[in-house]
Amino acid sequence: MQKITTNPTLFQRILAIQVALALGLSGAGSAYAAGNTNLALPGDVSVQGDSAALQNLGRAVQSPDARSSNLPARPQNLSQPNYVLPDMGDPGGGSLSRLDERKYGEQIMREIRPDPDYSNDLPLYDFLNQMERRLLQAAKKQQLGGANEQGSGAYNFEIFAVKDTSINAFALPGGFIGFHTGLITSAESDSEVASVMGHETGHVLQRHLARQMDQQTTNTMIALAGFVLGALAASRNPSAAAGLMQGGQAVAVNNQLSYSRDAEREADRIGFQILSASGYDVNGAPGFFQRLQKATGIMDNGVPAYVRTHPLTTDRIADMQDRVRNIPPRTVPTAVEFYFIKARARMEQSGTTSGMYDLKNVFDGLSKQAAAGKQMEGFYGLALIAQKQGHIDQAESYLQQARNLANATSAPGSPIVRQSLSLEVAASELALAKGKNEEALRIAQNALQAYPQSYAAGVAMIKAELKLGRTNDATTWLKARTRSQPNEILWWGLLSQAYDQAKNVPMRHYALGEKYALEGSWPSAIEQLKIAREAGGADFYQSSMIDARLRELQKQYRDELKDQGKKVPN
C-alpha cells in the first residue's frame, strides 16, 4: 500500500527549487536521482506517487534523448584526452554576479536548514566538507576555471546532508552542494563519494546556473528568489509544486536540453580532473555511475521520453572508463572514517523507532561479515544505537571493537587508512554521559588538535567545558570562532548557552540575536538585541557593540522589506 503523507520531505522542497531554476532560468543544476512528489506536466500527462518516472523528474532536463529534434546530430565518439586546461576566466561572463549567486543560495539555505530532513550530524558534515576542501585544493592546483577566484568572487563551498534514502546529489547557487544519505550508504569507498562531489563541484566552478544568461534573465533570476522561497513555504501542500510546471514553460526547457547535456559532460570532465589530482581512486567515477544506472534504470511507460530517459547513459559511463584507462593504475586505500560515516548516515535516515530496530539488525549483520570495513561499520553503528538508547557501557564495548578493527586494519600494507574523527567524538560523548568530564574534555581537545577545522570536535570540547563549569574557556574559544566564522549559526547558538551559564544576560541575548539574524528571522533578531540593550550589566564596549549591531540589523531588515515590496515598519 502506498504511504500517504501531507508533509513533503526536504527533497520535495529542493526539487521545487530545481524545477523553478530549470523553468525560470533556462539553465540546469544537477541531480543523480529524485524523490517523491506529485507534479502535473503540460500536455495532460500526470505523474504521481512513487513511480520511477517521478524519481527521474529532477534529472529530466539533462536527458540526452530529450534533445530537440531541430538541432543537428552530435558526433558519437565522446572520448577525450585527459588534458589539464588553463583557467580561461569566469565562464559566467557578465551575467549573474557571484555575489548574487551566493545571496540567492543563502536565501534558499535559510529555508532548508530548519527542515527536519536537513542533517545536523556534525561528523557527517565534517566528512563531506573536508572532502570538498581536498577536492577544491586540487582544483586550484589544476588552475581550473573559477577555483582560484579571490575576495568576493571566491566560492565558499558548503556541503550538507539530507536525510533521504534515495541516491541523489545536487548543486545550488553559490557553492552549496547537497548529498542524500542514501548516496553515502550506497557507495563502496570514499573515492566513489568524491567522484560525485567532484562532478557537482564542476557544476559550481563552471557556473552552470549563470552561463548563457543576459541581463534580462539575470534580473529574472534575482526576482525568482522570492518566487522560489514562496514555493518552499507553499510546498507543505503536496499539490503546490504542480503550479511550477504550468503554461508553455516546458518549451523553454526543451530549448535548453542541449546545453544541459553539455553541462553534464563538462561537469564529468572537470570532476574527473579534480578527482585524479586530489589522489582519490579514479575508478570511483565509472564504478559508481554504473551502480547509479542500475539503481534507477527501470522506467515507467506512458510519460514523455524526456521524463523516462536516464541521464547516466552508457556513452557517459564509457567516457569515464576511457579517461580511467589514460591514468596509470595505482592503489588508493579507503579511509577508516568512511565506514563510520556510512553508519552515521544510516542512523540519520532511520527515522522511526521501528526503523531503529531494523537498523540494529542491519548493523549486527554487517559486524559478522568477512570484510573489515563492513565489520567496522557494523560495530560502530551498534555503538551509536546503544548510545541513543542510553546503554552507555554496551556502547563503549561496541566502540572499542570498532577501534580495535580500525587499528588492526591500519597496519603497514593495509588497504585501509587510519583516519577517524567519528571514533573520537563518540568516545568523548560516551565519557561525558558517564560523568567522566575531564576524560571527555581531553579526548575532544586531542581530536580538535588533530582536526582543527572540525565542527564535531569543537562542539564536543565546548560541551565538556560547560559541564565542568569552565565557562570562561568556552566563551573565549567561541568568541574567537565567531570572529573567524561570523556566518556560522552553530557557534552563536553555543555562545548564547555559554553566556547563559555565566549569567551574562545582555551578551546571551546579543548572541541569540546574531543567531536569529543568520537564520533570516529579522524581527526576532532585533527583539533580542533590544532586550540585550535594556538588560543592563554590559560594559561600555559591549553596550556600544549592541547598539551598533541593532541599528545595522534594523537597516538590513528595512532594506529587505523594500526589496520585497513590503511595508516598512516605523
Protein backbone atom coordinates (compact mmCIF):
# COMPACT_ATOMS: atom_id res chain seq x y z
CA MET A 1 0.00 0.00 0.00
CA GLN A 2 1.32 3.42 -0.90
CA LYS A 3 2.04 5.64 2.05
CA ILE A 4 0.05 8.87 2.03
CA THR A 5 1.60 11.96 3.54
CA THR A 6 0.69 15.63 3.66
CA ASN A 7 4.14 16.86 4.71
CA PRO A 8 6.65 16.79 1.86
CA THR A 9 10.22 15.83 2.61
CA LEU A 10 13.11 18.25 2.36
CA PHE A 11 13.97 16.75 -1.03
CA GLN A 12 10.50 17.61 -2.33
CA ARG A 13 11.20 21.21 -1.37
CA ILE A 14 14.61 21.10 -3.02
CA LEU A 15 13.04 19.54 -6.11
CA ALA A 16 10.73 22.56 -6.28
CA ILE A 17 13.84 24.75 -6.33
CA GLN A 18 15.42 22.70 -9.11
CA VAL A 19 12.28 22.77 -11.22
CA ALA A 20 11.92 26.51 -10.70
CA LEU A 21 15.54 27.08 -11.64
CA ALA A 22 15.15 24.99 -14.78
CA LEU A 23 11.95 26.75 -15.86
CA GLY A 24 12.74 30.28 -14.80
CA LEU A 25 16.42 30.44 -15.68
CA SER A 26 16.71 28.29 -18.81
CA GLY A 27 19.66 26.59 -17.10
CA ALA A 28 20.28 23.34 -15.33
CA GLY A 29 21.55 22.20 -11.98
CA SER A 30 22.28 18.55 -11.47
CA ALA A 31 20.65 15.61 -9.74
CA TYR A 32 21.54 11.98 -9.71
CA ALA A 33 18.11 10.84 -8.57
CA ALA A 34 14.84 12.35 -7.44
CA GLY A 35 12.49 11.73 -4.55
CA ASN A 36 8.70 11.55 -4.31
CA THR A 37 6.25 14.34 -5.05
CA ASN A 38 3.14 14.98 -7.16
CA LEU A 39 3.60 17.02 -10.32
CA ALA A 40 1.27 17.71 -13.20
CA LEU A 41 3.11 18.03 -16.50
CA PRO A 42 1.99 20.02 -19.53
CA GLY A 43 0.10 18.07 -22.17
CA ASP A 44 -2.29 16.34 -19.74
CA VAL A 45 0.44 13.99 -18.51
CA SER A 46 0.10 13.18 -14.83
CA VAL A 47 2.89 11.68 -12.73
CA GLN A 48 2.01 10.73 -9.17
CA GLY A 49 3.07 8.57 -6.24
CA ASP A 50 6.31 6.65 -6.08
CA SER A 51 6.71 5.95 -9.80
CA ALA A 52 10.18 5.57 -11.24
CA ALA A 53 9.31 8.26 -13.78
CA LEU A 54 8.70 10.66 -10.96
CA GLN A 55 12.00 9.70 -9.39
CA ASN A 56 13.66 10.89 -12.60
CA LEU A 57 11.84 14.21 -12.86
CA GLY A 58 14.67 16.09 -11.19
CA ARG A 59 17.00 14.75 -13.89
CA ALA A 60 14.66 15.19 -16.82
CA VAL A 61 16.12 18.38 -18.22
CA GLN A 62 19.51 16.71 -18.52
CA SER A 63 18.47 13.75 -20.67
CA PRO A 64 20.39 13.31 -23.94
CA ASP A 65 17.34 11.67 -25.53
CA ALA A 66 15.34 14.78 -24.77
CA ARG A 67 17.42 16.77 -27.20
CA SER A 68 15.39 18.89 -29.59
CA SER A 69 14.86 17.26 -32.97
CA ASN A 70 15.61 20.61 -34.61
CA LEU A 71 19.23 20.54 -33.52
CA PRO A 72 21.99 18.91 -35.61
CA ALA A 73 23.26 15.50 -34.65
CA ARG A 74 26.36 15.31 -32.47
CA PRO A 75 29.40 13.10 -33.06
CA GLN A 76 29.11 9.76 -31.29
CA ASN A 77 32.76 9.49 -30.28
CA LEU A 78 32.85 11.11 -26.84
CA SER A 79 36.33 10.00 -25.77
CA GLN A 80 38.60 12.88 -24.88
CA PRO A 81 42.24 13.03 -23.77
CA ASN A 82 42.60 13.99 -20.13
CA TYR A 83 44.13 17.38 -20.80
CA VAL A 84 44.58 19.85 -17.96
CA LEU A 85 43.12 23.08 -19.25
CA PRO A 86 44.19 26.52 -18.03
CA ASP A 87 41.80 28.88 -16.29
CA MET A 88 40.14 30.73 -19.16
CA GLY A 89 38.38 33.18 -16.90
CA ASP A 90 34.87 33.34 -15.50
CA PRO A 91 32.58 31.13 -17.62
CA GLY A 92 29.59 33.05 -16.34
CA GLY A 93 30.56 36.10 -18.35
CA GLY A 94 28.82 39.31 -17.48
CA SER A 95 25.54 37.73 -16.45
CA LEU A 96 24.75 36.79 -12.86
CA SER A 97 27.40 38.02 -10.42
CA ARG A 98 28.95 35.64 -7.91
CA LEU A 99 27.69 37.84 -5.09
CA ASP A 100 24.13 37.49 -6.39
CA GLU A 101 24.63 33.74 -6.74
CA ARG A 102 25.74 33.50 -3.12
CA LYS A 103 22.92 35.74 -1.90
CA TYR A 104 20.40 33.60 -3.76
CA GLY A 105 21.90 30.37 -2.41
CA GLU A 106 21.86 31.67 1.15
CA GLN A 107 18.19 32.59 0.82
CA ILE A 108 17.44 29.02 -0.24
CA MET A 109 19.57 27.56 2.57
CA ARG A 110 17.74 29.62 5.18
CA GLU A 111 14.62 27.71 4.16
CA ILE A 112 16.36 24.35 4.06
CA ARG A 113 18.28 24.37 7.36
CA PRO A 114 15.24 24.42 9.71
CA ASP A 115 13.67 21.47 7.87
CA PRO A 116 13.69 18.21 9.89
CA ASP A 117 15.18 16.38 6.91
CA TYR A 118 18.27 18.60 6.98
CA SER A 119 21.03 16.61 8.70
CA ASN A 120 22.68 18.20 11.74
CA ASP A 121 25.06 15.28 12.27
CA LEU A 122 28.39 17.06 12.72
CA PRO A 123 30.86 14.21 11.96
CA LEU A 124 28.95 13.65 8.71
CA TYR A 125 29.11 17.38 7.97
CA ASP A 126 32.85 17.41 8.75
CA PHE A 127 33.48 14.42 6.48
CA LEU A 128 31.74 15.98 3.49
CA ASN A 129 33.33 19.40 3.89
CA GLN A 130 36.82 18.01 4.50
CA MET A 131 36.43 16.05 1.27
CA GLU A 132 35.34 19.20 -0.57
CA ARG A 133 38.34 21.15 0.76
CA ARG A 134 40.64 18.42 -0.56
CA LEU A 135 38.95 18.49 -3.97
CA LEU A 136 38.97 22.27 -4.16
CA GLN A 137 42.66 22.39 -3.31
CA ALA A 138 43.31 20.03 -6.22
CA ALA A 139 41.16 22.21 -8.49
CA LYS A 140 43.23 25.24 -7.54
CA LYS A 141 46.46 23.43 -8.35
CA GLN A 142 44.97 22.44 -11.70
CA GLN A 143 44.06 26.08 -12.40
CA LEU A 144 40.50 25.03 -13.22
CA GLY A 145 38.10 27.82 -14.11
CA GLY A 146 36.85 29.77 -11.10
CA ALA A 147 38.75 27.76 -8.47
CA ASN A 148 41.36 30.48 -7.83
CA GLU A 149 38.99 33.41 -7.54
CA GLN A 150 39.78 35.71 -4.61
CA GLY A 151 37.75 38.04 -2.41
CA SER A 152 34.06 38.46 -3.21
CA GLY A 153 34.45 36.35 -6.34
CA ALA A 154 35.51 33.24 -4.42
CA TYR A 155 33.04 30.45 -3.71
CA ASN A 156 32.70 29.47 -0.05
CA PHE A 157 31.64 25.89 -0.59
CA GLU A 158 29.34 24.27 1.94
CA ILE A 159 28.34 20.61 1.69
CA PHE A 160 25.34 19.37 3.65
CA ALA A 161 23.47 16.11 4.01
CA VAL A 162 19.77 15.39 3.53
CA LYS A 163 18.09 12.55 5.42
CA ASP A 164 16.81 10.56 2.46
CA THR A 165 17.43 7.00 1.31
CA SER A 166 17.42 7.89 -2.40
CA ILE A 167 20.68 8.15 -4.32
CA ASN A 168 20.98 11.83 -5.04
CA ALA A 169 23.30 14.82 -5.04
CA PHE A 170 22.67 18.35 -6.31
CA ALA A 171 24.27 21.78 -6.60
CA LEU A 172 22.58 25.02 -5.61
CA PRO A 173 23.66 28.59 -6.44
CA GLY A 174 26.62 29.98 -4.53
CA GLY A 175 28.60 26.82 -3.80
CA PHE A 176 26.05 24.89 -1.72
CA ILE A 177 26.01 21.16 -2.50
CA GLY A 178 23.59 18.64 -1.01
CA PHE A 179 24.14 14.90 -0.57
CA HIS A 180 21.39 12.45 0.27
CA THR A 181 22.37 9.97 2.96
CA GLY A 182 21.28 7.21 0.57
CA LEU A 183 24.11 8.10 -1.78
CA ILE A 184 26.67 7.76 1.02
CA THR A 185 25.33 4.43 2.24
CA SER A 186 25.25 3.12 -1.35
CA ALA A 187 28.90 3.98 -2.01
CA GLU A 188 31.59 1.34 -1.54
CA SER A 189 34.50 3.73 -0.96
CA ASP A 190 35.22 7.35 -0.16
CA SER A 191 36.54 7.69 -3.72
CA GLU A 192 33.05 6.97 -5.04
CA VAL A 193 31.57 9.72 -2.88
CA ALA A 194 34.39 12.02 -4.01
CA SER A 195 33.64 11.26 -7.66
CA VAL A 196 30.09 12.56 -7.22
CA MET A 197 31.31 15.56 -5.24
CA GLY A 198 33.86 16.35 -7.94
CA HIS A 199 31.08 16.30 -10.55
CA GLU A 200 28.97 18.70 -8.50
CA THR A 201 31.98 20.92 -7.87
CA GLY A 202 32.44 21.05 -11.63
CA HIS A 203 28.88 22.36 -12.00
CA VAL A 204 29.60 25.11 -9.47
CA LEU A 205 33.00 26.14 -10.82
CA GLN A 206 31.69 26.26 -14.38
CA ARG A 207 28.72 28.34 -13.21
CA HIS A 208 26.09 26.26 -14.96
CA LEU A 209 23.32 28.26 -13.29
CA ALA A 210 24.67 31.57 -14.58
CA ARG A 211 26.02 30.78 -18.05
CA GLN A 212 24.20 31.86 -21.20
CA MET A 213 22.20 34.44 -19.29
CA ASP A 214 21.83 38.01 -20.49
CA GLN A 215 20.97 40.94 -18.27
CA GLN A 216 17.24 40.38 -18.66
CA THR A 217 17.42 36.80 -17.43
CA THR A 218 19.76 37.92 -14.66
CA ASN A 219 17.00 40.18 -13.39
CA THR A 220 14.62 37.27 -13.74
CA MET A 221 16.79 35.12 -11.51
CA ILE A 222 17.01 37.75 -8.81
CA ALA A 223 13.23 38.18 -8.93
CA LEU A 224 12.79 34.43 -8.94
CA ALA A 225 14.38 34.17 -5.49
CA GLY A 226 11.17 35.43 -3.90
CA PHE A 227 9.15 33.06 -6.07
CA VAL A 228 11.16 30.02 -5.04
CA LEU A 229 11.00 30.89 -1.37
CA GLY A 230 7.25 31.29 -1.69
CA ALA A 231 7.09 27.90 -3.38
CA LEU A 232 9.03 26.38 -0.49
CA ALA A 233 6.53 27.71 2.00
CA ALA A 234 3.62 26.52 -0.13
CA SER A 235 5.20 23.09 -0.59
CA ARG A 236 3.69 21.94 2.69
CA ASN A 237 0.69 21.44 0.42
CA PRO A 238 1.63 18.43 -1.79
CA SER A 239 -0.15 19.87 -4.81
CA ALA A 240 1.63 23.22 -4.63
CA ALA A 241 4.54 22.17 -6.86
CA ALA A 242 2.16 21.49 -9.75
CA GLY A 243 1.96 25.20 -10.47
CA LEU A 244 5.65 25.24 -11.31
CA MET A 245 5.01 23.16 -14.43
CA GLN A 246 2.12 25.09 -15.93
CA GLY A 247 1.95 27.16 -19.10
CA GLY A 248 4.27 26.97 -22.09
CA GLN A 249 7.44 26.86 -19.97
CA ALA A 250 8.22 23.26 -20.93
CA VAL A 251 9.08 24.57 -24.40
CA ALA A 252 11.75 26.83 -22.91
CA VAL A 253 13.18 23.87 -21.02
CA ASN A 254 13.28 21.77 -24.19
CA ASN A 255 15.20 24.51 -26.00
CA GLN A 256 17.95 24.28 -23.36
CA LEU A 257 18.36 20.49 -23.26
CA SER A 258 21.42 20.58 -25.49
CA TYR A 259 23.09 22.99 -23.08
CA SER A 260 22.03 20.79 -20.20
CA ARG A 261 23.64 17.72 -21.76
CA ASP A 262 26.82 19.66 -22.48
CA ALA A 263 26.84 20.88 -18.90
CA GLU A 264 26.70 17.30 -17.63
CA ARG A 265 29.63 16.29 -19.83
CA GLU A 266 31.59 19.36 -18.80
CA ALA A 267 30.95 18.57 -15.13
CA ASP A 268 32.09 14.98 -15.82
CA ARG A 269 35.34 16.23 -17.34
CA ILE A 270 36.07 18.81 -14.64
CA GLY A 271 35.08 16.41 -11.88
CA PHE A 272 37.36 13.69 -13.23
CA GLN A 273 40.33 16.06 -13.36
CA ILE A 274 39.67 17.16 -9.79
CA LEU A 275 39.27 13.56 -8.61
CA SER A 276 42.52 12.44 -10.21
CA ALA A 277 44.53 15.42 -8.95
CA SER A 278 43.23 15.04 -5.38
CA GLY A 279 44.58 11.50 -5.01
CA TYR A 280 41.29 9.61 -4.90
CA ASP A 281 40.75 6.46 -6.95
CA VAL A 282 39.66 7.49 -10.44
CA ASN A 283 37.79 4.18 -10.78
CA GLY A 284 35.30 5.57 -8.31
CA ALA A 285 33.56 7.60 -11.01
CA PRO A 286 32.65 4.91 -13.59
CA GLY A 287 32.04 2.31 -10.87
CA PHE A 288 29.57 4.48 -9.01
CA PHE A 289 27.95 5.76 -12.19
CA GLN A 290 27.24 2.16 -13.23
CA ARG A 291 25.65 1.43 -9.86
CA LEU A 292 23.54 4.58 -10.15
CA GLN A 293 22.36 3.48 -13.57
CA LYS A 294 21.31 0.08 -12.23
CA ALA A 295 19.57 1.62 -9.23
CA THR A 296 17.40 3.91 -11.36
CA GLY A 297 17.28 2.11 -14.69
CA ILE A 298 13.65 0.92 -14.56
CA MET A 299 11.36 3.46 -16.21
CA ASP A 300 7.62 3.89 -16.33
CA ASN A 301 5.59 3.88 -19.55
CA GLY A 302 3.02 6.42 -20.65
CA VAL A 303 5.00 9.56 -19.90
CA PRO A 304 7.13 11.82 -22.12
CA ALA A 305 10.51 10.42 -23.16
CA TYR A 306 12.45 13.21 -21.51
CA VAL A 307 10.99 12.13 -18.15
CA ARG A 308 11.62 8.42 -18.71
CA THR A 309 15.17 8.61 -20.02
CA HIS A 310 18.03 8.35 -17.57
CA PRO A 311 20.84 10.91 -17.84
CA LEU A 312 23.51 8.38 -16.87
CA THR A 313 23.80 6.94 -20.37
CA THR A 314 26.22 4.28 -21.48
CA ASP A 315 28.23 6.80 -23.53
CA ARG A 316 28.88 8.92 -20.43
CA ILE A 317 30.00 5.87 -18.48
CA ALA A 318 32.14 4.74 -21.40
CA ASP A 319 33.70 8.20 -21.48
CA MET A 320 34.58 7.85 -17.79
CA GLN A 321 36.09 4.42 -18.37
CA ASP A 322 38.12 5.77 -21.28
CA ARG A 323 39.53 8.51 -19.06
CA VAL A 324 40.47 5.94 -16.43
CA ARG A 325 42.46 3.98 -18.99
CA ASN A 326 44.63 7.05 -19.59
CA ILE A 327 45.62 7.21 -15.90
CA PRO A 328 48.44 4.96 -14.61
CA PRO A 329 46.98 2.34 -12.24
CA ARG A 330 47.53 2.93 -8.53
CA THR A 331 46.26 1.58 -5.24
CA VAL A 332 44.21 4.13 -3.31
CA PRO A 333 43.21 2.93 0.18
CA THR A 334 39.85 3.84 1.69
CA ALA A 335 39.90 5.85 4.93
CA VAL A 336 38.57 4.23 8.09
CA GLU A 337 36.37 7.29 8.61
CA PHE A 338 34.31 6.41 5.54
CA TYR A 339 32.93 3.25 7.15
CA PHE A 340 31.98 5.09 10.32
CA ILE A 341 30.34 7.85 8.31
CA LYS A 342 28.25 5.25 6.46
CA ALA A 343 26.97 4.08 9.85
CA ARG A 344 26.11 7.64 10.86
CA ALA A 345 24.34 8.21 7.53
CA ARG A 346 22.25 5.09 8.13
CA MET A 347 21.36 6.41 11.58
CA GLU A 348 20.32 9.76 10.14
CA GLN A 349 17.86 8.20 7.68
CA SER A 350 16.47 5.53 10.05
CA GLY A 351 13.62 7.73 11.29
CA THR A 352 11.11 5.88 13.48
CA THR A 353 11.62 3.52 16.42
CA SER A 354 10.75 0.56 14.21
CA GLY A 355 13.34 1.82 11.74
CA MET A 356 15.91 1.80 14.55
CA TYR A 357 15.05 -1.82 15.34
CA ASP A 358 15.57 -2.83 11.71
CA LEU A 359 18.78 -0.84 11.57
CA LYS A 360 20.15 -2.66 14.60
CA ASN A 361 19.68 -5.92 12.70
CA VAL A 362 21.49 -4.40 9.70
CA PHE A 363 24.45 -3.35 11.84
CA ASP A 364 24.54 -6.72 13.56
CA GLY A 365 24.68 -8.43 10.17
CA LEU A 366 27.45 -6.12 8.98
CA SER A 367 29.53 -6.80 12.09
CA LYS A 368 29.57 -10.51 11.18
CA GLN A 369 30.74 -10.11 7.59
CA ALA A 370 34.25 -11.02 6.49
CA ALA A 371 35.26 -7.60 5.15
CA ALA A 372 36.93 -5.42 7.79
CA GLY A 373 35.18 -2.30 6.52
CA LYS A 374 31.76 -3.90 6.91
CA GLN A 375 32.64 -5.05 10.42
CA MET A 376 33.76 -1.58 11.44
CA GLU A 377 30.56 -0.06 10.10
CA GLY A 378 28.54 -2.69 11.96
CA PHE A 379 30.21 -2.33 15.37
CA TYR A 380 30.27 1.46 15.18
CA GLY A 381 26.59 1.50 14.21
CA LEU A 382 25.74 -0.77 17.14
CA ALA A 383 27.62 1.65 19.42
CA LEU A 384 25.56 4.58 18.10
CA ILE A 385 22.29 2.73 18.69
CA ALA A 386 23.30 1.68 22.20
CA GLN A 387 24.31 5.28 22.95
CA LYS A 388 20.97 6.59 21.70
CA GLN A 389 19.12 4.04 23.84
CA GLY A 390 21.12 5.00 26.94
CA HIS A 391 23.11 1.76 27.18
CA ILE A 392 26.44 3.52 27.68
CA ASP A 393 28.53 0.54 28.84
CA GLN A 394 27.34 -1.52 25.88
CA ALA A 395 28.06 1.40 23.55
CA GLU A 396 31.62 1.64 24.89
CA SER A 397 32.13 -2.07 24.27
CA TYR A 398 30.96 -1.85 20.67
CA LEU A 399 33.04 1.29 20.11
CA GLN A 400 36.16 -0.47 21.42
CA GLN A 401 35.58 -3.34 18.98
CA ALA A 402 35.33 -0.84 16.15
CA ARG A 403 38.53 0.85 17.34
CA ASN A 404 40.38 -2.47 17.56
CA LEU A 405 39.39 -3.29 13.98
CA ALA A 406 40.48 0.15 12.82
CA ASN A 407 43.88 -0.26 14.46
CA ALA A 408 44.35 -3.79 13.11
CA THR A 409 43.44 -2.90 9.54
CA SER A 410 45.63 0.19 9.55
CA ALA A 411 48.86 -1.75 9.77
CA PRO A 412 51.52 -1.17 7.06
CA GLY A 413 50.34 -2.51 3.73
CA SER A 414 46.66 -2.40 4.72
CA PRO A 415 44.12 -1.26 2.08
CA ILE A 416 42.56 0.98 4.77
CA VAL A 417 43.92 4.28 6.07
CA ARG A 418 43.68 5.01 9.80
CA GLN A 419 41.92 8.34 9.96
CA SER A 420 38.84 8.79 12.12
CA LEU A 421 37.22 11.75 13.80
CA SER A 422 33.98 9.84 14.39
CA LEU A 423 35.64 7.43 16.83
CA GLU A 424 37.00 10.24 19.00
CA VAL A 425 33.79 12.26 19.02
CA ALA A 426 31.75 9.22 20.03
CA ALA A 427 34.29 8.38 22.76
CA SER A 428 34.08 11.93 24.16
CA GLU A 429 30.28 11.82 24.15
CA LEU A 430 30.23 8.46 25.95
CA ALA A 431 32.71 9.65 28.58
CA LEU A 432 30.58 12.73 29.18
CA ALA A 433 27.47 10.55 29.53
CA LYS A 434 29.24 8.52 32.24
CA GLY A 435 30.26 11.63 34.15
CA LYS A 436 33.92 11.35 33.15
CA ASN A 437 34.00 15.02 32.22
CA GLU A 438 37.78 15.52 32.37
CA GLU A 439 38.32 12.49 30.13
CA ALA A 440 35.66 13.74 27.72
CA LEU A 441 37.39 17.11 27.52
CA ARG A 442 40.81 15.56 26.97
CA ILE A 443 39.53 13.37 24.12
CA ALA A 444 37.74 16.31 22.49
CA GLN A 445 40.75 18.61 22.77
CA ASN A 446 43.03 15.99 21.21
CA ALA A 447 40.53 15.48 18.39
CA LEU A 448 40.32 19.22 17.78
CA GLN A 449 44.10 19.46 17.69
CA ALA A 450 44.20 16.71 15.06
CA TYR A 451 41.23 18.16 13.12
CA PRO A 452 41.31 21.94 13.74
CA GLN A 453 38.53 22.66 11.23
CA SER A 454 36.17 20.09 12.74
CA TYR A 455 32.78 21.26 13.96
CA ALA A 456 32.11 17.99 15.78
CA ALA A 457 35.32 18.13 17.83
CA GLY A 458 34.72 21.79 18.67
CA VAL A 459 31.19 21.11 19.91
CA ALA A 460 32.38 18.09 21.94
CA MET A 461 35.00 20.27 23.63
CA ILE A 462 32.54 23.06 24.43
CA LYS A 463 30.01 20.60 25.89
CA ALA A 464 32.70 19.16 28.16
CA GLU A 465 33.90 22.60 29.25
CA LEU A 466 30.38 23.73 30.09
CA LYS A 467 29.76 20.50 32.01
CA LEU A 468 32.93 21.21 34.00
CA GLY A 469 31.84 24.81 34.62
CA ARG A 470 34.70 26.26 32.57
CA THR A 471 32.52 28.96 31.05
CA ASN A 472 35.40 31.41 30.56
CA ASP A 473 37.30 28.88 28.45
CA ALA A 474 34.17 28.11 26.45
CA THR A 475 33.25 31.74 25.78
CA THR A 476 36.83 32.69 24.88
CA TRP A 477 37.05 29.92 22.28
CA LEU A 478 33.57 30.60 20.91
CA LYS A 479 34.19 34.35 20.63
CA ALA A 480 37.30 33.57 18.58
CA ARG A 481 35.29 31.21 16.36
CA THR A 482 32.51 33.74 15.79
CA ARG A 483 35.14 36.29 14.73
CA SER A 484 36.75 33.89 12.25
CA GLN A 485 33.44 32.32 11.13
CA PRO A 486 30.82 35.03 11.75
CA ASN A 487 28.22 33.37 9.50
CA GLU A 488 28.12 30.04 11.36
CA ILE A 489 24.84 29.71 13.25
CA LEU A 490 26.20 26.85 15.38
CA TRP A 491 28.83 28.93 17.15
CA TRP A 492 26.43 31.76 18.00
CA GLY A 493 23.95 29.29 19.48
CA LEU A 494 26.63 27.72 21.67
CA LEU A 495 27.95 31.15 22.66
CA SER A 496 24.49 32.13 23.87
CA GLN A 497 24.44 28.95 26.00
CA ALA A 498 27.86 29.76 27.45
CA TYR A 499 26.81 33.32 28.31
CA ASP A 500 23.62 31.97 29.87
CA GLN A 501 25.60 29.62 32.10
CA ALA A 502 27.87 32.53 33.05
CA LYS A 503 24.77 34.62 33.95
CA ASN A 504 25.76 37.27 31.37
CA VAL A 505 22.24 38.30 30.35
CA PRO A 506 22.93 41.08 27.81
CA MET A 507 25.55 39.08 25.91
CA ARG A 508 23.35 35.98 25.92
CA HIS A 509 20.64 37.92 24.11
CA TYR A 510 23.21 39.54 21.81
CA ALA A 511 24.48 36.10 20.73
CA LEU A 512 20.90 34.89 20.24
CA GLY A 513 20.23 37.96 18.09
CA GLU A 514 23.16 37.08 15.83
CA LYS A 515 21.89 33.51 15.56
CA TYR A 516 18.39 34.63 14.57
CA ALA A 517 19.78 37.14 12.07
CA LEU A 518 21.71 34.37 10.29
CA GLU A 519 18.51 32.33 10.18
CA GLY A 520 16.77 35.23 8.46
CA SER A 521 14.47 35.91 11.43
CA TRP A 522 14.97 39.66 11.42
CA PRO A 523 12.17 40.64 13.87
CA SER A 524 13.36 38.05 16.42
CA ALA A 525 16.98 39.17 16.00
CA ILE A 526 16.04 42.81 16.52
CA GLU A 527 13.95 41.93 19.58
CA GLN A 528 16.85 40.01 21.15
CA LEU A 529 19.21 42.96 20.68
CA LYS A 530 16.66 45.33 22.21
CA ILE A 531 16.46 43.01 25.23
CA ALA A 532 20.27 42.95 25.38
CA ARG A 533 20.40 46.76 25.30
CA GLU A 534 17.82 47.14 28.07
CA ALA A 535 19.06 44.30 30.31
CA GLY A 536 21.88 46.25 31.90
CA GLY A 537 25.14 44.82 33.13
CA ALA A 538 27.08 45.25 29.88
CA ASP A 539 30.29 47.27 29.90
CA PHE A 540 30.81 50.32 27.67
CA TYR A 541 32.36 48.33 24.83
CA GLN A 542 29.61 45.69 24.88
CA SER A 543 26.85 48.32 25.03
CA SER A 544 28.33 50.18 22.06
CA MET A 545 28.60 46.95 20.10
CA ILE A 546 24.98 46.02 20.85
CA ASP A 547 23.70 49.48 19.83
CA ALA A 548 25.68 49.48 16.58
CA ARG A 549 24.57 45.99 15.68
CA LEU A 550 20.94 46.79 16.45
CA ARG A 551 20.98 49.74 14.07
CA GLU A 552 22.65 47.62 11.40
CA LEU A 553 20.05 44.83 11.68
CA GLN A 554 17.19 47.31 11.59
CA LYS A 555 18.59 48.80 8.40
CA GLN A 556 19.08 45.36 6.81
CA TYR A 557 15.52 44.42 7.70
CA ARG A 558 14.12 47.62 6.18
CA ASP A 559 16.20 47.14 3.03
CA GLU A 560 14.96 43.57 2.61
CA LEU A 561 11.34 44.64 3.05
CA LYS A 562 11.84 47.34 0.39
CA ASP A 563 13.37 44.81 -1.99
CA GLN A 564 10.33 42.58 -1.50
CA GLY A 565 7.91 45.50 -1.98
CA LYS A 566 6.56 45.18 1.56
CA LYS A 567 5.60 47.90 4.00
CA VAL A 568 8.49 49.07 6.16
CA PRO A 569 7.56 49.41 9.88
CA ASN A 570 8.27 52.63 11.73
